[in-house]
Protein backbone atom coordinates (compact mmCIF):
# COMPACT_ATOMS: atom_id res chain seq x y z
CA UNK A 1 -0.50 -0.23 0.24
CA UNK A 2 1.51 3.27 -1.30
CA UNK A 3 2.06 5.42 1.86
CA UNK A 4 -0.25 8.64 1.68
CA UNK A 5 -2.41 10.92 3.65
CA UNK A 6 -6.03 9.47 4.26
CA UNK A 7 -8.18 12.90 3.27
CA UNK A 8 -12.20 12.24 3.93
CA UNK A 9 -12.55 15.90 5.97
CA UNK A 10 -15.80 17.13 5.22
CA UNK A 11 -17.14 20.67 4.55
CA UNK A 12 -20.62 20.05 5.93
CA UNK A 13 -20.49 21.54 9.61
CA UNK A 14 -23.72 20.24 10.03
CA UNK A 15 -24.27 16.51 9.46
CA UNK A 16 -26.93 16.62 6.23
CA UNK A 17 -26.96 20.17 5.23
CA UNK A 18 -24.45 21.74 2.60
CA UNK A 19 -24.77 25.19 4.13
CA UNK A 20 -22.94 26.77 6.03
CA UNK A 21 -19.63 24.66 5.59
CA UNK A 22 -16.26 24.92 5.75
CA UNK A 23 -15.92 26.42 2.17
CA UNK A 24 -17.59 29.17 3.06
CA UNK A 25 -15.90 29.90 6.39
CA UNK A 26 -12.35 29.89 4.56
CA UNK A 27 -13.75 31.75 1.65
CA UNK A 28 -14.88 34.52 4.23
CA UNK A 29 -11.42 34.17 6.23
CA UNK A 30 -9.31 34.96 2.64
CA UNK A 31 -11.88 38.18 2.16
CA UNK A 32 -11.77 39.52 5.80
CA UNK A 33 -7.91 39.07 5.64
CA UNK A 34 -7.76 41.10 2.24
CA UNK A 35 -9.82 43.60 3.85
CA UNK A 36 -7.58 44.17 6.66
CA UNK A 37 -4.56 44.18 4.83
CA UNK A 38 -6.37 46.93 2.31
CA UNK A 39 -6.91 49.13 4.63
CA UNK A 40 -3.39 49.32 6.41
CA UNK A 41 -2.54 50.59 2.16
CA UNK A 42 -5.68 52.89 2.17
CA UNK A 43 -4.26 54.62 5.93
CA UNK A 44 -0.91 55.10 4.78
CA UNK A 45 -2.56 56.69 1.38
CA UNK A 46 -4.70 58.54 3.66
CA UNK A 47 -7.75 57.25 2.22
CA UNK A 48 -11.22 57.18 4.22
CA UNK A 49 -13.05 54.03 5.52
CA UNK A 50 -16.00 54.72 2.70
CA UNK A 51 -13.70 54.35 -0.27
CA UNK A 52 -12.62 50.81 1.46
CA UNK A 53 -16.22 49.81 1.98
CA UNK A 54 -17.24 50.67 -1.68
CA UNK A 55 -13.99 48.51 -2.31
CA UNK A 56 -15.06 45.42 -0.31
CA UNK A 57 -18.42 45.44 -1.81
CA UNK A 58 -17.08 45.81 -5.69
CA UNK A 59 -14.34 42.97 -4.73
CA UNK A 60 -17.03 40.60 -2.83
CA UNK A 61 -19.69 40.79 -5.72
CA UNK A 62 -17.11 40.30 -8.59
CA UNK A 63 -15.06 37.46 -6.98
CA UNK A 64 -18.69 35.39 -5.97
CA UNK A 65 -19.75 36.34 -9.22
CA UNK A 66 -16.78 36.46 -11.96
CA UNK A 67 -15.56 33.03 -10.60
CA UNK A 68 -19.35 31.08 -10.84
CA UNK A 69 -19.83 32.85 -14.52
CA UNK A 70 -16.24 31.58 -15.43
CA UNK A 71 -16.49 28.00 -14.17
CA UNK A 72 -19.80 27.52 -16.02
CA UNK A 73 -18.39 29.35 -19.21
CA UNK A 74 -15.20 28.19 -19.52
CA UNK A 75 -15.69 24.42 -17.59
CA UNK A 76 -19.13 23.62 -17.77
CA UNK A 77 -20.52 20.71 -18.49
CA UNK A 78 -22.93 23.19 -20.71
CA UNK A 79 -25.64 21.14 -21.36
CA UNK A 80 -26.89 17.33 -19.95
CA UNK A 81 -25.16 14.12 -21.11
CA UNK A 82 -26.96 11.17 -20.94
CA UNK A 83 -25.42 7.30 -21.41
CA UNK A 84 -26.89 5.04 -24.47
CA UNK A 85 -30.28 3.90 -22.32
CA UNK A 86 -31.05 7.91 -21.79
CA UNK A 87 -29.89 7.86 -18.05
CA UNK A 88 -28.24 11.39 -16.95
CA UNK A 89 -25.02 11.20 -16.53
CA UNK A 90 -23.99 14.62 -16.25
CA UNK A 91 -26.32 17.97 -15.36
CA UNK A 92 -25.40 20.96 -17.76
CA UNK A 93 -26.07 24.56 -16.33
CA UNK A 94 -27.72 25.90 -19.68
CA UNK A 95 -30.04 22.67 -19.34
CA UNK A 96 -30.76 23.73 -15.13
CA UNK A 97 -29.67 27.12 -15.24
CA UNK A 98 -30.98 27.70 -11.52
CA UNK A 99 -27.96 25.81 -11.01
CA UNK A 100 -25.44 28.30 -11.68
CA UNK A 101 -26.72 30.08 -8.66
CA UNK A 102 -25.62 27.16 -6.29
CA UNK A 103 -22.26 27.99 -5.27
CA UNK A 104 -22.36 26.16 -2.19
CA UNK A 105 -21.68 23.03 -4.50
CA UNK A 106 -18.39 23.93 -5.62
CA UNK A 107 -17.64 25.25 -9.05
CA UNK A 108 -15.25 28.48 -9.46
CA UNK A 109 -13.07 29.92 -11.87
CA UNK A 110 -10.34 32.01 -10.93
CA UNK A 111 -10.28 33.55 -14.20
CA UNK A 112 -13.50 34.07 -14.33
CA UNK A 113 -13.09 35.79 -11.14
CA UNK A 114 -9.97 37.63 -12.69
CA UNK A 115 -11.95 39.23 -15.38
CA UNK A 116 -14.66 40.31 -13.20
CA UNK A 117 -12.63 42.21 -10.53
CA UNK A 118 -10.44 43.97 -13.07
CA UNK A 119 -13.81 45.27 -14.43
CA UNK A 120 -15.20 46.35 -11.07
CA UNK A 121 -11.56 48.00 -10.34
CA UNK A 122 -11.86 49.90 -13.21
CA UNK A 123 -14.89 51.52 -12.86
CA UNK A 124 -13.61 51.90 -8.83
CA UNK A 125 -10.78 53.89 -9.90
CA UNK A 126 -12.73 56.18 -12.61
CA UNK A 127 -15.74 56.69 -10.55
CA UNK A 128 -15.07 56.53 -7.17
CA UNK A 129 -11.78 57.05 -5.92
CA UNK A 130 -10.70 59.08 -9.54
CA UNK A 131 -7.30 57.18 -9.12
CA UNK A 132 -5.41 55.78 -12.04
CA UNK A 133 -6.34 52.16 -12.95
CA UNK A 134 -2.53 50.80 -11.98
CA UNK A 135 -2.68 52.79 -8.44
CA UNK A 136 -5.97 50.41 -7.36
CA UNK A 137 -4.38 47.26 -8.87
CA UNK A 138 -1.05 47.62 -7.56
CA UNK A 139 -2.50 48.37 -3.55
CA UNK A 140 -5.11 44.92 -4.22
CA UNK A 141 -2.35 42.82 -5.09
CA UNK A 142 -1.29 41.22 -2.11
CA UNK A 143 -4.78 41.21 -1.03
CA UNK A 144 -6.24 39.26 -3.39
CA UNK A 145 -3.56 36.97 -3.22
CA UNK A 146 -4.15 35.83 0.45
CA UNK A 147 -7.86 35.38 -0.50
CA UNK A 148 -6.53 33.13 -3.29
CA UNK A 149 -4.84 31.04 -0.49
CA UNK A 150 -8.19 30.00 1.41
CA UNK A 151 -10.25 29.86 -1.38
CA UNK A 152 -7.62 27.11 -2.52
CA UNK A 153 -7.95 25.83 0.59
CA UNK A 154 -11.58 25.35 0.31
CA UNK A 155 -11.51 23.63 -2.53
CA UNK A 156 -9.04 21.32 -0.65
CA UNK A 157 -11.89 20.63 1.85
CA UNK A 158 -14.06 20.46 -0.68
CA UNK A 159 -12.06 17.45 -2.36
CA UNK A 160 -12.53 19.53 -6.06
CA UNK A 161 -9.91 20.15 -8.21
CA UNK A 162 -8.04 17.23 -7.04
CA UNK A 163 -4.54 16.47 -8.72
CA UNK A 164 -3.70 13.18 -11.22
CA UNK A 165 -2.35 9.67 -9.73
CA UNK A 166 1.05 9.97 -7.90
CA UNK A 167 3.00 7.87 -5.71
CA UNK A 168 4.92 10.90 -3.66
CA UNK A 169 4.75 9.90 0.19
CA UNK A 170 2.81 13.33 0.53
CA UNK A 171 0.00 12.40 -1.45
CA UNK A 172 -3.67 12.25 -0.80
CA UNK A 173 -6.50 9.92 -0.76
CA UNK A 174 -9.80 12.02 -1.79
CA UNK A 175 -12.37 10.14 0.03
CA UNK A 176 -15.18 12.26 -1.40
CA UNK A 177 -13.76 12.59 -4.42
CA UNK A 178 -12.94 9.21 -5.89
CA UNK A 179 -15.19 6.92 -3.43
CA UNK A 180 -19.02 7.33 -4.95
CA UNK A 181 -19.99 5.71 -1.41
CA UNK A 182 -17.40 7.37 0.93
CA UNK A 183 -18.14 5.27 3.86
CA UNK A 184 -18.18 1.85 2.52
CA UNK A 185 -14.69 2.09 0.59
CA UNK A 186 -11.50 0.84 1.63
CA UNK A 187 -8.52 3.10 1.71
CA UNK A 188 -6.53 0.44 -0.42
CA UNK A 189 -9.05 1.06 -2.97
CA UNK A 190 -9.01 4.71 -3.44
CA UNK A 191 -5.90 6.29 -5.67
CA UNK A 192 -3.40 8.44 -4.50
CA UNK A 193 -3.66 11.74 -5.91
CA UNK A 194 -1.21 15.42 -6.06
CA UNK A 195 -2.82 17.75 -3.52
CA UNK A 196 -3.08 20.11 -6.16
CA UNK A 197 -5.28 22.46 -4.28
CA UNK A 198 -2.44 22.70 -1.49
CA UNK A 199 0.55 22.85 -4.06
CA UNK A 200 -1.42 26.52 -5.25
CA UNK A 201 -2.50 27.74 -1.72
CA UNK A 202 1.25 27.52 -0.61
CA UNK A 203 2.18 29.21 -4.10
CA UNK A 204 -0.27 31.97 -3.26
CA UNK A 205 0.64 32.44 0.51
CA UNK A 206 4.07 32.35 -0.34
CA UNK A 207 3.23 35.34 -3.33
CA UNK A 208 1.57 37.09 -0.98
CA UNK A 209 4.40 37.93 1.66
CA UNK A 210 6.99 38.43 -1.46
CA UNK A 211 4.20 41.17 -2.82
CA UNK A 212 3.39 42.94 0.53
CA UNK A 213 7.46 43.00 0.69
CA UNK A 214 8.26 44.48 -2.72
CA UNK A 215 4.80 47.11 -1.69
CA UNK A 216 6.10 48.06 1.54
CA UNK A 217 10.03 47.16 1.98
CA UNK A 218 11.27 47.50 -1.51
CA UNK A 219 8.79 50.84 -2.01
CA UNK A 220 7.25 49.82 -5.55
CA UNK A 221 4.24 51.52 -5.22
CA UNK A 222 5.96 54.23 -6.65
CA UNK A 223 6.60 52.56 -9.62
CA UNK A 224 3.36 51.98 -11.20
CA UNK A 225 2.28 48.31 -12.37
CA UNK A 226 5.17 46.61 -11.43
CA UNK A 227 3.37 45.31 -7.93
CA UNK A 228 0.72 44.32 -9.75
CA UNK A 229 2.91 42.94 -12.74
CA UNK A 230 4.59 40.84 -10.33
CA UNK A 231 1.04 39.40 -8.69
CA UNK A 232 -0.01 37.93 -12.23
CA UNK A 233 3.34 36.45 -12.58
CA UNK A 234 3.68 34.48 -9.52
CA UNK A 235 -0.31 33.50 -9.57
CA UNK A 236 -0.89 32.70 -12.87
CA UNK A 237 2.89 31.63 -13.10
CA UNK A 238 2.23 29.16 -10.29
CA UNK A 239 -1.34 28.05 -11.90
CA UNK A 240 0.30 26.86 -15.45
CA UNK A 241 2.69 24.95 -13.59
CA UNK A 242 -0.08 23.32 -10.97
CA UNK A 243 -2.12 22.31 -13.62
CA UNK A 244 0.03 19.92 -14.83
CA UNK A 245 -0.26 17.93 -11.64
CA UNK A 246 -3.96 18.61 -11.71
CA UNK A 247 -6.86 16.75 -13.29
CA UNK A 248 -8.74 18.60 -15.69
CA UNK A 249 -12.13 20.14 -14.57
CA UNK A 250 -13.96 19.02 -17.61
CA UNK A 251 -14.12 16.87 -20.45
CA UNK A 252 -13.91 19.98 -22.86
CA UNK A 253 -10.58 20.91 -20.48
CA UNK A 254 -9.12 17.42 -21.24
CA UNK A 255 -9.92 17.67 -24.94
CA UNK A 256 -8.46 20.63 -25.32
CA UNK A 257 -5.19 19.36 -23.22
CA UNK A 258 -5.17 16.58 -25.23
CA UNK A 259 -4.97 18.56 -28.62
CA UNK A 260 -2.40 21.32 -27.81
CA UNK A 261 -0.68 20.34 -24.56
CA UNK A 262 -2.09 22.68 -22.11
CA UNK A 263 -5.65 22.76 -20.66
CA UNK A 264 -7.71 25.77 -20.27
CA UNK A 265 -6.39 27.15 -17.00
CA UNK A 266 -3.18 27.39 -18.62
CA UNK A 267 -3.92 28.76 -22.07
CA UNK A 268 -5.98 31.78 -20.09
CA UNK A 269 -3.05 32.48 -17.91
CA UNK A 270 -0.42 32.64 -20.70
CA UNK A 271 -1.40 35.99 -21.63
CA UNK A 272 -1.89 37.16 -17.69
CA UNK A 273 1.94 35.73 -17.64
CA UNK A 274 2.71 37.63 -20.48
CA UNK A 275 0.99 40.73 -19.47
CA UNK A 276 2.57 40.75 -15.89
CA UNK A 277 5.90 40.92 -17.47
CA UNK A 278 5.02 43.46 -19.80
CA UNK A 279 4.09 45.94 -16.55
CA UNK A 280 7.17 45.06 -14.55
CA UNK A 281 9.11 46.46 -17.89
CA UNK A 282 7.05 49.50 -18.56
CA UNK A 283 6.89 50.01 -14.54
CA UNK A 284 11.23 49.55 -13.91
CA UNK A 285 11.74 51.60 -17.61
CA UNK A 286 9.54 54.65 -16.13
CA UNK A 287 10.57 57.09 -13.35
CA UNK A 288 8.98 56.90 -9.72
CA UNK A 289 5.54 58.16 -9.71
CA UNK A 290 3.25 58.72 -6.76
CA UNK A 291 -0.01 58.70 -8.94
CA UNK A 292 0.19 57.01 -11.75
């Protein structure tokens, strides 16, 4: 028997009830920590609490709505699938639109959240605080990284976004992912997988401290776009690497990976990493600026 961590943690806090759950608590914890980091940054900048409250509303809504719609659009399943006998194999979001709102069942895509957050922050920077777009992006990078850390830990307790099979000693057996009836399966029958969610959480946690170091100690807030560029490289560069150890999130995802060598998440991450490289070079080339 391969040495592994037998992971049988349940997200349910109350037996038989899907909400409240541990995933939600971890999600909220990430938002709260991000809030306090942003509050300190805003205090340094002399920004008032009202502008911070507005930011949090924009961020929470954009994260939840964007991440959910990103999962629905990028990964699906889009329509119901049936076997040869007409038995339903998988429910599709477009066949059952109300399923789109069932966030508690899991299914959030970081790329969808990224797109929605960028749109929300653009509006916020222009209409609420009247600051350059890069000003807010540099200051929200570290808070987003710590939020992403706890979201990935939420994926871990949800037994979702699991890794491919492995024989490494730190591999996990995900009881609720690989056993249809969790309490009748023997651990020996469950495959050992890479804890891909934990890999990403660790990467994001490291990125959080590096981004704070760049912002506070190196004072790279004076060079617009550099901190945000580093954020894009760290977060989505990590995503590209970790995806090699992760199962595809849908049949469409597997098909794309089989044809191109990279899956959906990796292809979506490539332009973001390239954008990060561009922003760093551009920001370092320009002189110090406190505003733009």
